[in-house]
Structures are given as structure tokens and as C-alpha cells.
Amino acid sequence: MVKTQLLCTFAHKSDLNIVVDYIQQSYIIPEQRIFVFSNAEATDNLYCTYNADAGTQRGQNTISIHRKKETNTLYTVNALNEIIRVVNNGVLDKTYMLNWSMYENSFILTDEGGYRIIPLVFFKKITWR
């Protein structure tokens, strides 16, 4: 079994086909599927998520992310650490149990102010053989 990592490539809705072609040509994606989400508030902003071979070099506009399946929350480790610091009085405790339901259907990313929460809606699933 191939070890994979969950990646996210950022795209504008008008460039989705170009971005999907780029992903398919640039990465080894064993499951041959891409899940695309849109920002619920800025629907032109799309997030293409896929499991790629862990040995693959990340390309432009692409980051490594994680997913909490129970709440469909996408996040970066740095953003998760920022949230823990905020809700835990400034202390980063890696054993802190976050209330994931507060972040359901969201993408948590770092920004200048610490972190931001982007509400997500499912846009489409792309598969190929």
C-alpha cells in the first residue's frame, strides 16, 4: 500500500479545469479522485483536496493538510496549534481536546492574526481512470 499525504491546492472557480489538469499531471494520486470544496462566503475560491503519494514534492498553491472526518474539518497543524493556544489561555498543550463540532464543515488556516476559519460547502468530486 502506498503511503499518502492529504494535499490541498487552492484554485479560482474559473481556473478549476486547468488546476485539475495540473494536479493530475503533477502528483501520483492512487485513489484517482479529487474532492473540491468552495468557500461558503466567497464561492469563487475553491479548495481541491486529494491524497497524493507521500514522496511527491508539493507544487505551487498547494499545502499539506489534515482532516477530521467526523466533522469534515480541514486544517493545518499550525492553525490547530493556534486555536489551542487561543482557547487554552495561551498554552499549547498537544493533549488538549478540541471541541471539533465548533469547526464542522470548515477549513482552518493560519494568517497574520493567528488563524482564520473558512466555512466550506461541497462543490464536486472529480474521478478518473
C-alpha atoms as a PDB file:
ATOM      1  CA  MET A   1       0.000   0.000   0.000  1.00  0.00           C
ATOM      2  CA  VAL A   2       1.308   3.444  -0.946  1.00  0.00           C
ATOM      3  CA  LYS A   3       1.774   5.968   1.867  1.00  0.00           C
ATOM      4  CA  THR A   4      -0.120   9.141   1.027  1.00  0.00           C
ATOM      5  CA  GLN A   5      -0.481  12.663   2.326  1.00  0.00           C
ATOM      6  CA  LEU A   6      -3.571  14.845   2.116  1.00  0.00           C
ATOM      7  CA  LEU A   7      -2.888  17.887  -0.044  1.00  0.00           C
ATOM      8  CA  CYS A   8      -4.943  20.939  -0.887  1.00  0.00           C
ATOM      9  CA  THR A   9      -4.441  23.053  -3.991  1.00  0.00           C
ATOM     10  CA  PHE A  10      -6.102  26.456  -3.996  1.00  0.00           C
ATOM     11  CA  ALA A  11      -7.989  27.443  -7.148  1.00  0.00           C
ATOM     12  CA  HIS A  12     -10.273  30.119  -8.529  1.00  0.00           C
ATOM     13  CA  LYS A  13     -13.522  28.724  -9.922  1.00  0.00           C
ATOM     14  CA  SER A  14     -12.702  29.985 -13.433  1.00  0.00           C
ATOM     15  CA  ASP A  15      -9.387  28.057 -13.362  1.00  0.00           C
ATOM     16  CA  LEU A  16     -10.696  24.764 -11.985  1.00  0.00           C
ATOM     17  CA  ASN A  17     -10.159  22.691 -15.137  1.00  0.00           C
ATOM     18  CA  ILE A  18      -6.600  23.986 -15.526  1.00  0.00           C
ATOM     19  CA  VAL A  19      -5.837  23.308 -11.857  1.00  0.00           C
ATOM     20  CA  VAL A  20      -7.285  19.774 -12.025  1.00  0.00           C
ATOM     21  CA  ASP A  21      -5.148  19.032 -15.103  1.00  0.00           C
ATOM     22  CA  TYR A  22      -2.104  20.373 -13.247  1.00  0.00           C
ATOM     23  CA  ILE A  23      -2.847  18.172 -10.199  1.00  0.00           C
ATOM     24  CA  GLN A  24      -3.338  15.055 -12.329  1.00  0.00           C
ATOM     25  CA  GLN A  25      -0.067  15.647 -14.194  1.00  0.00           C
ATOM     26  CA  SER A  26       1.979  16.666 -11.137  1.00  0.00           C
ATOM     27  CA  TYR A  27       1.008  14.117  -8.493  1.00  0.00           C
ATOM     28  CA  ILE A  28       0.605  10.387  -8.103  1.00  0.00           C
ATOM     29  CA  ILE A  29      -2.959  10.063  -6.772  1.00  0.00           C
ATOM     30  CA  PRO A  30      -3.646   6.375  -6.049  1.00  0.00           C
ATOM     31  CA  GLU A  31      -7.389   6.837  -5.417  1.00  0.00           C
ATOM     32  CA  GLN A  32      -7.789   8.869  -8.632  1.00  0.00           C
ATOM     33  CA  ARG A  33     -10.205  11.331  -7.097  1.00  0.00           C
ATOM     34  CA  ILE A  34     -10.224  14.956  -6.064  1.00  0.00           C
ATOM     35  CA  PHE A  35     -12.775  16.470  -3.702  1.00  0.00           C
ATOM     36  CA  VAL A  36     -13.449  20.129  -4.394  1.00  0.00           C
ATOM     37  CA  PHE A  37     -14.897  22.450  -1.760  1.00  0.00           C
ATOM     38  CA  SER A  38     -15.845  26.089  -2.073  1.00  0.00           C
ATOM     39  CA  ASN A  39     -15.732  28.888   0.444  1.00  0.00           C
ATOM     40  CA  ALA A  40     -19.358  29.314   1.540  1.00  0.00           C
ATOM     41  CA  GLU A  41     -18.870  33.093   1.677  1.00  0.00           C
ATOM     42  CA  ALA A  42     -16.640  33.612  -1.394  1.00  0.00           C
ATOM     43  CA  THR A  43     -17.791  30.884  -3.766  1.00  0.00           C
ATOM     44  CA  ASP A  44     -15.144  31.660  -6.411  1.00  0.00           C
ATOM     45  CA  ASN A  45     -12.481  30.358  -4.005  1.00  0.00           C
ATOM     46  CA  LEU A  46     -12.084  26.588  -4.383  1.00  0.00           C
ATOM     47  CA  TYR A  47     -10.044  24.041  -2.433  1.00  0.00           C
ATOM     48  CA  CYS A  48      -9.052  20.859  -4.289  1.00  0.00           C
ATOM     49  CA  THR A  49      -8.206  18.082  -1.820  1.00  0.00           C
ATOM     50  CA  TYR A  50      -6.635  14.743  -2.665  1.00  0.00           C
ATOM     51  CA  ASN A  51      -4.395  12.020  -1.264  1.00  0.00           C
ATOM     52  CA  ALA A  52      -1.085  12.041  -3.128  1.00  0.00           C
ATOM     53  CA  ASP A  53       1.975   9.831  -2.850  1.00  0.00           C
ATOM     54  CA  ALA A  54       3.821  10.991   0.279  1.00  0.00           C
ATOM     55  CA  GLY A  55       7.093  11.238  -1.648  1.00  0.00           C
ATOM     56  CA  THR A  56       5.675  13.834  -4.027  1.00  0.00           C
ATOM     57  CA  GLN A  57       7.084  17.360  -3.952  1.00  0.00           C
ATOM     58  CA  ARG A  58       4.380  19.992  -3.348  1.00  0.00           C
ATOM     59  CA  GLY A  59       3.750  22.397  -6.197  1.00  0.00           C
ATOM     60  CA  GLN A  60       2.532  25.967  -6.246  1.00  0.00           C
ATOM     61  CA  ASN A  61      -0.626  26.953  -4.365  1.00  0.00           C
ATOM     62  CA  THR A  62      -0.541  23.561  -2.602  1.00  0.00           C
ATOM     63  CA  ILE A  63      -0.250  22.799   1.106  1.00  0.00           C
ATOM     64  CA  SER A  64      -0.268  19.691   3.251  1.00  0.00           C
ATOM     65  CA  ILE A  65      -3.415  19.455   5.377  1.00  0.00           C
ATOM     66  CA  HIS A  66      -5.248  17.142   7.753  1.00  0.00           C
ATOM     67  CA  ARG A  67      -8.915  16.218   8.028  1.00  0.00           C
ATOM     68  CA  LYS A  68     -11.142  15.424  10.986  1.00  0.00           C
ATOM     69  CA  LYS A  69     -13.620  13.071   9.286  1.00  0.00           C
ATOM     70  CA  GLU A  70     -16.337  13.236  11.951  1.00  0.00           C
ATOM     71  CA  THR A  71     -16.834  16.975  11.433  1.00  0.00           C
ATOM     72  CA  ASN A  72     -15.449  17.346   7.891  1.00  0.00           C
ATOM     73  CA  THR A  73     -12.888  19.834   9.154  1.00  0.00           C
ATOM     74  CA  LEU A  74      -9.796  20.550   7.079  1.00  0.00           C
ATOM     75  CA  TYR A  75      -6.867  22.132   8.904  1.00  0.00           C
ATOM     76  CA  THR A  76      -3.130  22.701   9.024  1.00  0.00           C
ATOM     77  CA  VAL A  77      -1.157  21.672  12.098  1.00  0.00           C
ATOM     78  CA  ASN A  78      -0.024  25.274  12.619  1.00  0.00           C
ATOM     79  CA  ALA A  79      -3.622  26.521  12.549  1.00  0.00           C
ATOM     80  CA  LEU A  80      -4.688  23.808  15.015  1.00  0.00           C
ATOM     81  CA  ASN A  81      -1.876  24.869  17.347  1.00  0.00           C
ATOM     82  CA  GLU A  82      -3.054  28.499  17.124  1.00  0.00           C
ATOM     83  CA  ILE A  83      -6.624  27.544  18.060  1.00  0.00           C
ATOM     84  CA  ILE A  84      -5.403  25.507  21.035  1.00  0.00           C
ATOM     85  CA  ARG A  85      -3.343  28.483  22.253  1.00  0.00           C
ATOM     86  CA  VAL A  86      -6.361  30.805  21.983  1.00  0.00           C
ATOM     87  CA  VAL A  87      -8.868  28.519  23.743  1.00  0.00           C
ATOM     88  CA  ASN A  88      -6.309  27.280  26.313  1.00  0.00           C
ATOM     89  CA  ASN A  89      -5.157  30.633  27.763  1.00  0.00           C
ATOM     90  CA  GLY A  90      -2.101  30.935  25.553  1.00  0.00           C
ATOM     91  CA  VAL A  91      -0.781  27.452  26.343  1.00  0.00           C
ATOM     92  CA  LEU A  92      -0.013  24.993  23.542  1.00  0.00           C
ATOM     93  CA  ASP A  93      -0.955  21.647  25.061  1.00  0.00           C
ATOM     94  CA  LYS A  94      -0.772  18.883  22.451  1.00  0.00           C
ATOM     95  CA  THR A  95      -3.118  16.743  24.595  1.00  0.00           C
ATOM     96  CA  TYR A  96      -5.841  19.433  24.648  1.00  0.00           C
ATOM     97  CA  MET A  97      -9.179  18.046  23.434  1.00  0.00           C
ATOM     98  CA  LEU A  98     -10.680  20.491  20.978  1.00  0.00           C
ATOM     99  CA  ASN A  99     -14.453  20.697  20.527  1.00  0.00           C
ATOM    100  CA  TRP A 100     -14.397  19.777  16.831  1.00  0.00           C
ATOM    101  CA  SER A 101     -18.151  20.365  16.386  1.00  0.00           C
ATOM    102  CA  MET A 102     -17.423  24.115  16.545  1.00  0.00           C
ATOM    103  CA  TYR A 103     -15.428  23.748  13.326  1.00  0.00           C
ATOM    104  CA  GLU A 104     -17.776  21.490  11.352  1.00  0.00           C
ATOM    105  CA  ASN A 105     -17.558  21.908   7.551  1.00  0.00           C
ATOM    106  CA  SER A 106     -14.686  24.361   7.877  1.00  0.00           C
ATOM    107  CA  PHE A 107     -11.133  24.899   6.739  1.00  0.00           C
ATOM    108  CA  ILE A 108      -8.806  26.246   9.434  1.00  0.00           C
ATOM    109  CA  LEU A 109      -5.732  28.093   8.154  1.00  0.00           C
ATOM    110  CA  THR A 110      -3.108  30.339   9.693  1.00  0.00           C
ATOM    111  CA  ASP A 111      -2.980  34.023   8.825  1.00  0.00           C
ATOM    112  CA  GLU A 112      -1.384  37.202  10.173  1.00  0.00           C
ATOM    113  CA  GLY A 113      -3.810  37.342  13.092  1.00  0.00           C
ATOM    114  CA  GLY A 114      -3.201  33.732  14.124  1.00  0.00           C
ATOM    115  CA  TYR A 115      -5.813  31.692  12.303  1.00  0.00           C
ATOM    116  CA  ARG A 116      -8.972  32.001  10.247  1.00  0.00           C
ATOM    117  CA  ILE A 117     -11.930  29.698   9.786  1.00  0.00           C
ATOM    118  CA  ILE A 118     -13.359  29.345   6.293  1.00  0.00           C
ATOM    119  CA  PRO A 119     -16.863  27.836   6.058  1.00  0.00           C
ATOM    120  CA  LEU A 120     -16.927  25.111   3.408  1.00  0.00           C
ATOM    121  CA  VAL A 121     -19.547  23.648   1.109  1.00  0.00           C
ATOM    122  CA  PHE A 122     -19.015  20.600  -1.077  1.00  0.00           C
ATOM    123  CA  PHE A 123     -18.588  21.669  -4.709  1.00  0.00           C
ATOM    124  CA  LYS A 124     -17.849  18.481  -6.669  1.00  0.00           C
ATOM    125  CA  LYS A 125     -15.986  15.174  -6.781  1.00  0.00           C
ATOM    126  CA  ILE A 126     -13.700  14.532  -9.755  1.00  0.00           C
ATOM    127  CA  THR A 127     -12.703  10.955 -10.607  1.00  0.00           C
ATOM    128  CA  TRP A 128     -10.823   9.364 -13.471  1.00  0.00           C
ATOM    129  CA  ARG A 129      -9.393   6.016 -14.538  1.00  0.00           C
END
